[in-house]
Amino acid sequence: MEKSRTTIIIGILIVVLLLLTASIIVEHRRTTETGYLSASQLEALNATTSNISVLPDSNEIFINSSATILVMLGPMNSPSMYSFEIFGLYNPHLIIRVGSLVRFYAVNVDTDSYHNFVITDMAPPYGYTIMGNMGEMGSMMPYLPPQSEGHFAYYVYDFSFAQTGTLWYICTYPGHAEHGMYGEITVSSA
């Protein structure tokens, strides 16, 4: 009786340790809200803070700790509708300090196409459809409709960058990532 009780307690401890380890290793994604923004609300979101450095010459953005980031999908003033705009840069390379929790406000500013913003460990090149090949980290954000009468569809989620490595942000709408709607994320300890 005593031996089986000890075995059960050890088994429970192992499960608890595995769950704690998994929660540290696996990135956390949580939908926090969705809806529509007005043009003034959209403008108010596009501000950098002291823990973010934007380097236009190298098309890089450094995020040194937890932050809120506005990601505009399909901006009309960009070189291509197949792009993301973050702090005035198109498809920038994001360099994020490991351990940072980033709140992404993904907002579709396109006037005629659906888009989304998905973080994945799947590297380019991308095909016409990529939904089935997202890998472990693919977050299935819904497609956001194009802007309508000055209202912009948005989706907010938090992503905790718990380990170093390379990730990608992409639009999974058919053909969009294939035509260049993606960017690199480097999660760094430095």
C-alpha atoms as a PDB file:
ATOM      1  CA  MET A   1       0.000   0.000   0.000  1.00  0.00           C
ATOM      2  CA  GLU A   2       2.778   2.428   0.981  1.00  0.00           C
ATOM      3  CA  LYS A   3       4.744   1.581  -2.185  1.00  0.00           C
ATOM      4  CA  SER A   4       1.781   2.312  -4.496  1.00  0.00           C
ATOM      5  CA  ARG A   5       1.088   5.619  -2.721  1.00  0.00           C
ATOM      6  CA  THR A   6       4.732   6.637  -3.219  1.00  0.00           C
ATOM      7  CA  THR A   7       4.509   5.659  -6.882  1.00  0.00           C
ATOM      8  CA  ILE A   8       1.374   7.782  -7.337  1.00  0.00           C
ATOM      9  CA  ILE A   9       2.984  10.789  -5.622  1.00  0.00           C
ATOM     10  CA  ILE A  10       6.098  10.462  -7.797  1.00  0.00           C
ATOM     11  CA  GLY A  11       3.910  10.181 -10.889  1.00  0.00           C
ATOM     12  CA  ILE A  12       2.006  13.336  -9.942  1.00  0.00           C
ATOM     13  CA  LEU A  13       5.260  15.219  -9.318  1.00  0.00           C
ATOM     14  CA  ILE A  14       6.589  14.175 -12.730  1.00  0.00           C
ATOM     15  CA  VAL A  15       3.406  15.381 -14.452  1.00  0.00           C
ATOM     16  CA  VAL A  16       3.568  18.713 -12.595  1.00  0.00           C
ATOM     17  CA  LEU A  17       7.219  19.184 -13.578  1.00  0.00           C
ATOM     18  CA  LEU A  18       6.444  18.353 -17.215  1.00  0.00           C
ATOM     19  CA  LEU A  19       3.595  20.866 -17.261  1.00  0.00           C
ATOM     20  CA  LEU A  20       5.771  23.581 -15.719  1.00  0.00           C
ATOM     21  CA  THR A  21       8.556  22.877 -18.219  1.00  0.00           C
ATOM     22  CA  ALA A  22       6.111  22.969 -21.139  1.00  0.00           C
ATOM     23  CA  SER A  23       4.707  26.301 -19.990  1.00  0.00           C
ATOM     24  CA  ILE A  24       8.210  27.780 -19.974  1.00  0.00           C
ATOM     25  CA  ILE A  25       9.237  26.399 -23.392  1.00  0.00           C
ATOM     26  CA  VAL A  26       6.047  26.867 -25.400  1.00  0.00           C
ATOM     27  CA  GLU A  27       5.190  30.402 -26.506  1.00  0.00           C
ATOM     28  CA  HIS A  28       1.995  31.776 -25.031  1.00  0.00           C
ATOM     29  CA  ARG A  29      -0.706  33.001 -27.365  1.00  0.00           C
ATOM     30  CA  ARG A  30      -3.991  34.402 -26.142  1.00  0.00           C
ATOM     31  CA  THR A  31      -6.619  36.311 -28.015  1.00  0.00           C
ATOM     32  CA  THR A  32      -7.416  39.377 -26.016  1.00  0.00           C
ATOM     33  CA  GLU A  33      -9.872  41.280 -28.189  1.00  0.00           C
ATOM     34  CA  THR A  34     -11.222  41.838 -31.672  1.00  0.00           C
ATOM     35  CA  GLY A  35     -13.397  44.482 -33.285  1.00  0.00           C
ATOM     36  CA  TYR A  36     -13.139  47.728 -35.254  1.00  0.00           C
ATOM     37  CA  LEU A  37     -11.112  50.911 -34.774  1.00  0.00           C
ATOM     38  CA  SER A  38     -11.735  54.420 -36.053  1.00  0.00           C
ATOM     39  CA  ALA A  39      -8.957  56.313 -37.876  1.00  0.00           C
ATOM     40  CA  SER A  40      -8.158  58.342 -34.742  1.00  0.00           C
ATOM     41  CA  GLN A  41      -7.950  55.221 -32.580  1.00  0.00           C
ATOM     42  CA  LEU A  42      -5.623  53.645 -35.161  1.00  0.00           C
ATOM     43  CA  GLU A  43      -3.393  56.735 -35.160  1.00  0.00           C
ATOM     44  CA  ALA A  44      -3.136  56.688 -31.358  1.00  0.00           C
ATOM     45  CA  LEU A  45      -1.756  53.130 -31.396  1.00  0.00           C
ATOM     46  CA  ASN A  46       1.214  53.970 -33.638  1.00  0.00           C
ATOM     47  CA  ALA A  47       3.674  55.252 -31.013  1.00  0.00           C
ATOM     48  CA  THR A  48       7.033  53.862 -29.972  1.00  0.00           C
ATOM     49  CA  THR A  49       8.216  53.638 -26.396  1.00  0.00           C
ATOM     50  CA  SER A  50      11.705  53.820 -24.886  1.00  0.00           C
ATOM     51  CA  ASN A  51      12.154  50.039 -25.021  1.00  0.00           C
ATOM     52  CA  ILE A  52      11.739  49.997 -28.832  1.00  0.00           C
ATOM     53  CA  SER A  53      14.377  51.180 -31.317  1.00  0.00           C
ATOM     54  CA  VAL A  54      13.414  51.707 -34.972  1.00  0.00           C
ATOM     55  CA  LEU A  55      16.315  51.639 -37.458  1.00  0.00           C
ATOM     56  CA  PRO A  56      14.960  52.700 -40.889  1.00  0.00           C
ATOM     57  CA  ASP A  57      18.318  52.335 -42.703  1.00  0.00           C
ATOM     58  CA  SER A  58      18.512  48.621 -41.919  1.00  0.00           C
ATOM     59  CA  ASN A  59      14.716  47.993 -41.817  1.00  0.00           C
ATOM     60  CA  GLU A  60      15.036  46.636 -38.270  1.00  0.00           C
ATOM     61  CA  ILE A  61      13.095  47.119 -35.070  1.00  0.00           C
ATOM     62  CA  PHE A  62      14.626  46.190 -31.697  1.00  0.00           C
ATOM     63  CA  ILE A  63      12.199  45.318 -28.904  1.00  0.00           C
ATOM     64  CA  ASN A  64      14.125  45.188 -25.626  1.00  0.00           C
ATOM     65  CA  SER A  65      11.313  44.177 -23.264  1.00  0.00           C
ATOM     66  CA  SER A  66       7.565  43.698 -23.179  1.00  0.00           C
ATOM     67  CA  ALA A  67       5.757  46.065 -25.544  1.00  0.00           C
ATOM     68  CA  THR A  68       2.636  46.804 -27.560  1.00  0.00           C
ATOM     69  CA  ILE A  69       3.130  46.831 -31.339  1.00  0.00           C
ATOM     70  CA  LEU A  70       0.745  48.059 -34.039  1.00  0.00           C
ATOM     71  CA  VAL A  71       0.977  45.930 -37.193  1.00  0.00           C
ATOM     72  CA  MET A  72      -0.878  47.401 -40.168  1.00  0.00           C
ATOM     73  CA  LEU A  73      -1.857  44.795 -42.749  1.00  0.00           C
ATOM     74  CA  GLY A  74      -1.837  45.719 -46.451  1.00  0.00           C
ATOM     75  CA  PRO A  75      -1.013  49.438 -46.111  1.00  0.00           C
ATOM     76  CA  MET A  76      -1.996  51.366 -49.238  1.00  0.00           C
ATOM     77  CA  ASN A  77       1.066  53.653 -49.177  1.00  0.00           C
ATOM     78  CA  SER A  78       3.482  50.696 -49.190  1.00  0.00           C
ATOM     79  CA  PRO A  79       5.443  49.431 -52.191  1.00  0.00           C
ATOM     80  CA  SER A  80       3.097  46.405 -52.310  1.00  0.00           C
ATOM     81  CA  MET A  81      -0.267  45.410 -50.863  1.00  0.00           C
ATOM     82  CA  TYR A  82       1.567  42.255 -49.776  1.00  0.00           C
ATOM     83  CA  SER A  83       3.233  43.920 -46.831  1.00  0.00           C
ATOM     84  CA  PHE A  84       3.031  44.704 -43.149  1.00  0.00           C
ATOM     85  CA  GLU A  85       3.795  48.175 -41.810  1.00  0.00           C
ATOM     86  CA  ILE A  86       5.306  48.446 -38.337  1.00  0.00           C
ATOM     87  CA  PHE A  87       6.476  51.883 -37.115  1.00  0.00           C
ATOM     88  CA  GLY A  88       6.730  53.147 -40.712  1.00  0.00           C
ATOM     89  CA  LEU A  89       8.817  50.200 -41.968  1.00  0.00           C
ATOM     90  CA  TYR A  90       7.593  47.550 -44.407  1.00  0.00           C
ATOM     91  CA  ASN A  91       8.082  43.889 -43.478  1.00  0.00           C
ATOM     92  CA  PRO A  92      10.814  44.865 -41.004  1.00  0.00           C
ATOM     93  CA  HIS A  93      13.126  42.424 -39.285  1.00  0.00           C
ATOM     94  CA  LEU A  94      12.001  42.293 -35.641  1.00  0.00           C
ATOM     95  CA  ILE A  95      14.723  41.607 -33.073  1.00  0.00           C
ATOM     96  CA  ILE A  96      13.084  40.768 -29.755  1.00  0.00           C
ATOM     97  CA  ARG A  97      14.780  40.115 -26.423  1.00  0.00           C
ATOM     98  CA  VAL A  98      13.995  36.639 -25.120  1.00  0.00           C
ATOM     99  CA  GLY A  99      11.424  36.701 -22.319  1.00  0.00           C
ATOM    100  CA  SER A 100       9.511  39.654 -23.784  1.00  0.00           C
ATOM    101  CA  LEU A 101       5.739  39.558 -23.934  1.00  0.00           C
ATOM    102  CA  VAL A 102       4.563  41.440 -27.018  1.00  0.00           C
ATOM    103  CA  ARG A 103       0.970  42.505 -27.516  1.00  0.00           C
ATOM    104  CA  PHE A 104       0.275  42.657 -31.252  1.00  0.00           C
ATOM    105  CA  TYR A 105      -2.514  44.892 -32.555  1.00  0.00           C
ATOM    106  CA  ALA A 106      -3.016  43.516 -36.074  1.00  0.00           C
ATOM    107  CA  VAL A 107      -5.160  45.985 -38.046  1.00  0.00           C
ATOM    108  CA  ASN A 108      -6.254  45.549 -41.657  1.00  0.00           C
ATOM    109  CA  VAL A 109      -5.860  48.929 -43.374  1.00  0.00           C
ATOM    110  CA  ASP A 110      -6.265  47.536 -46.909  1.00  0.00           C
ATOM    111  CA  THR A 111      -9.283  48.774 -48.865  1.00  0.00           C
ATOM    112  CA  ASP A 112     -10.018  45.607 -50.820  1.00  0.00           C
ATOM    113  CA  SER A 113      -8.319  42.481 -49.423  1.00  0.00           C
ATOM    114  CA  TYR A 114      -8.463  40.224 -46.391  1.00  0.00           C
ATOM    115  CA  HIS A 115      -5.274  39.723 -44.334  1.00  0.00           C
ATOM    116  CA  ASN A 116      -4.033  38.223 -41.083  1.00  0.00           C
ATOM    117  CA  PHE A 117      -0.858  38.191 -38.960  1.00  0.00           C
ATOM    118  CA  VAL A 118       0.461  34.781 -37.939  1.00  0.00           C
ATOM    119  CA  ILE A 119       3.687  33.915 -36.114  1.00  0.00           C
ATOM    120  CA  THR A 120       5.269  30.635 -37.130  1.00  0.00           C
ATOM    121  CA  ASP A 121       8.532  28.729 -37.084  1.00  0.00           C
ATOM    122  CA  MET A 122       8.068  27.812 -40.764  1.00  0.00           C
ATOM    123  CA  ALA A 123      10.638  29.651 -42.910  1.00  0.00           C
ATOM    124  CA  PRO A 124      10.156  30.867 -46.500  1.00  0.00           C
ATOM    125  CA  PRO A 125       9.705  30.179 -49.334  1.00  0.00           C
ATOM    126  CA  TYR A 126       5.943  29.902 -49.017  1.00  0.00           C
ATOM    127  CA  GLY A 127       3.487  28.391 -51.458  1.00  0.00           C
ATOM    128  CA  TYR A 128       0.077  29.642 -52.532  1.00  0.00           C
ATOM    129  CA  THR A 129      -1.599  27.942 -49.545  1.00  0.00           C
ATOM    130  CA  ILE A 130       0.255  27.277 -46.324  1.00  0.00           C
ATOM    131  CA  MET A 131      -2.453  26.623 -43.736  1.00  0.00           C
ATOM    132  CA  GLY A 132      -1.602  22.940 -43.168  1.00  0.00           C
ATOM    133  CA  ASN A 133       2.124  23.499 -42.763  1.00  0.00           C
ATOM    134  CA  MET A 134       2.265  26.041 -39.948  1.00  0.00           C
ATOM    135  CA  GLY A 135       4.377  24.000 -37.563  1.00  0.00           C
ATOM    136  CA  GLU A 136       3.959  23.953 -33.808  1.00  0.00           C
ATOM    137  CA  MET A 137       3.783  27.697 -33.315  1.00  0.00           C
ATOM    138  CA  GLY A 138       1.332  28.703 -36.016  1.00  0.00           C
ATOM    139  CA  SER A 139      -1.342  30.830 -34.440  1.00  0.00           C
ATOM    140  CA  MET A 140      -4.510  30.667 -36.498  1.00  0.00           C
ATOM    141  CA  MET A 141      -5.623  34.268 -36.479  1.00  0.00           C
ATOM    142  CA  PRO A 142      -8.790  34.776 -38.550  1.00  0.00           C
ATOM    143  CA  TYR A 143      -8.712  36.780 -41.765  1.00  0.00           C
ATOM    144  CA  LEU A 144      -9.628  40.399 -41.116  1.00  0.00           C
ATOM    145  CA  PRO A 145     -11.919  42.105 -43.636  1.00  0.00           C
ATOM    146  CA  PRO A 146     -10.767  45.227 -45.515  1.00  0.00           C
ATOM    147  CA  GLN A 147     -11.475  48.646 -44.038  1.00  0.00           C
ATOM    148  CA  SER A 148     -14.967  49.953 -44.548  1.00  0.00           C
ATOM    149  CA  GLU A 149     -16.163  53.544 -44.202  1.00  0.00           C
ATOM    150  CA  GLY A 150     -13.195  54.524 -42.031  1.00  0.00           C
ATOM    151  CA  HIS A 151     -13.470  51.520 -39.717  1.00  0.00           C
ATOM    152  CA  PHE A 152     -10.559  49.086 -39.449  1.00  0.00           C
ATOM    153  CA  ALA A 153     -10.923  45.466 -38.340  1.00  0.00           C
ATOM    154  CA  TYR A 154      -8.399  44.470 -35.699  1.00  0.00           C
ATOM    155  CA  TYR A 155      -7.308  41.454 -33.715  1.00  0.00           C
ATOM    156  CA  VAL A 156      -5.132  41.587 -30.607  1.00  0.00           C
ATOM    157  CA  TYR A 157      -3.077  38.812 -29.121  1.00  0.00           C
ATOM    158  CA  ASP A 158      -0.160  38.424 -26.759  1.00  0.00           C
ATOM    159  CA  PHE A 159       2.898  36.378 -27.670  1.00  0.00           C
ATOM    160  CA  SER A 160       5.615  35.519 -25.164  1.00  0.00           C
ATOM    161  CA  PHE A 161       8.996  34.985 -26.781  1.00  0.00           C
ATOM    162  CA  ALA A 162      10.265  32.361 -24.343  1.00  0.00           C
ATOM    163  CA  GLN A 163      13.275  30.978 -26.199  1.00  0.00           C
ATOM    164  CA  THR A 164      15.913  32.235 -28.594  1.00  0.00           C
ATOM    165  CA  GLY A 165      15.724  31.421 -32.293  1.00  0.00           C
ATOM    166  CA  THR A 166      14.194  32.521 -35.574  1.00  0.00           C
ATOM    167  CA  LEU A 167      10.476  32.905 -36.215  1.00  0.00           C
ATOM    168  CA  TRP A 168       8.481  34.446 -39.044  1.00  0.00           C
ATOM    169  CA  TYR A 169       5.358  36.588 -39.239  1.00  0.00           C
ATOM    170  CA  ILE A 170       3.231  35.959 -42.299  1.00  0.00           C
ATOM    171  CA  CYS A 171      -0.169  36.502 -43.880  1.00  0.00           C
ATOM    172  CA  THR A 172      -1.763  33.110 -44.520  1.00  0.00           C
ATOM    173  CA  TYR A 173      -4.371  34.380 -46.994  1.00  0.00           C
ATOM    174  CA  PRO A 174      -3.816  32.328 -50.192  1.00  0.00           C
ATOM    175  CA  GLY A 175      -0.977  33.778 -52.245  1.00  0.00           C
ATOM    176  CA  HIS A 176      -0.048  36.618 -49.892  1.00  0.00           C
ATOM    177  CA  ALA A 177       3.041  35.112 -48.181  1.00  0.00           C
ATOM    178  CA  GLU A 178       4.016  33.624 -51.541  1.00  0.00           C
ATOM    179  CA  HIS A 179       4.148  37.189 -52.933  1.00  0.00           C
ATOM    180  CA  GLY A 180       6.283  38.507 -50.042  1.00  0.00           C
ATOM    181  CA  MET A 181       3.875  39.250 -47.190  1.00  0.00           C
ATOM    182  CA  TYR A 182       6.173  38.038 -44.424  1.00  0.00           C
ATOM    183  CA  GLY A 183       9.010  39.145 -42.164  1.00  0.00           C
ATOM    184  CA  GLU A 184      11.663  37.657 -39.921  1.00  0.00           C
ATOM    185  CA  ILE A 185      11.728  37.650 -36.126  1.00  0.00           C
ATOM    186  CA  THR A 186      14.978  36.999 -34.273  1.00  0.00           C
ATOM    187  CA  VAL A 187      14.547  36.207 -30.591  1.00  0.00           C
ATOM    188  CA  SER A 188      17.852  37.083 -28.956  1.00  0.00           C
ATOM    189  CA  SER A 189      19.412  36.994 -25.513  1.00  0.00           C
ATOM    190  CA  ALA A 190      21.536  40.080 -26.237  1.00  0.00           C
END
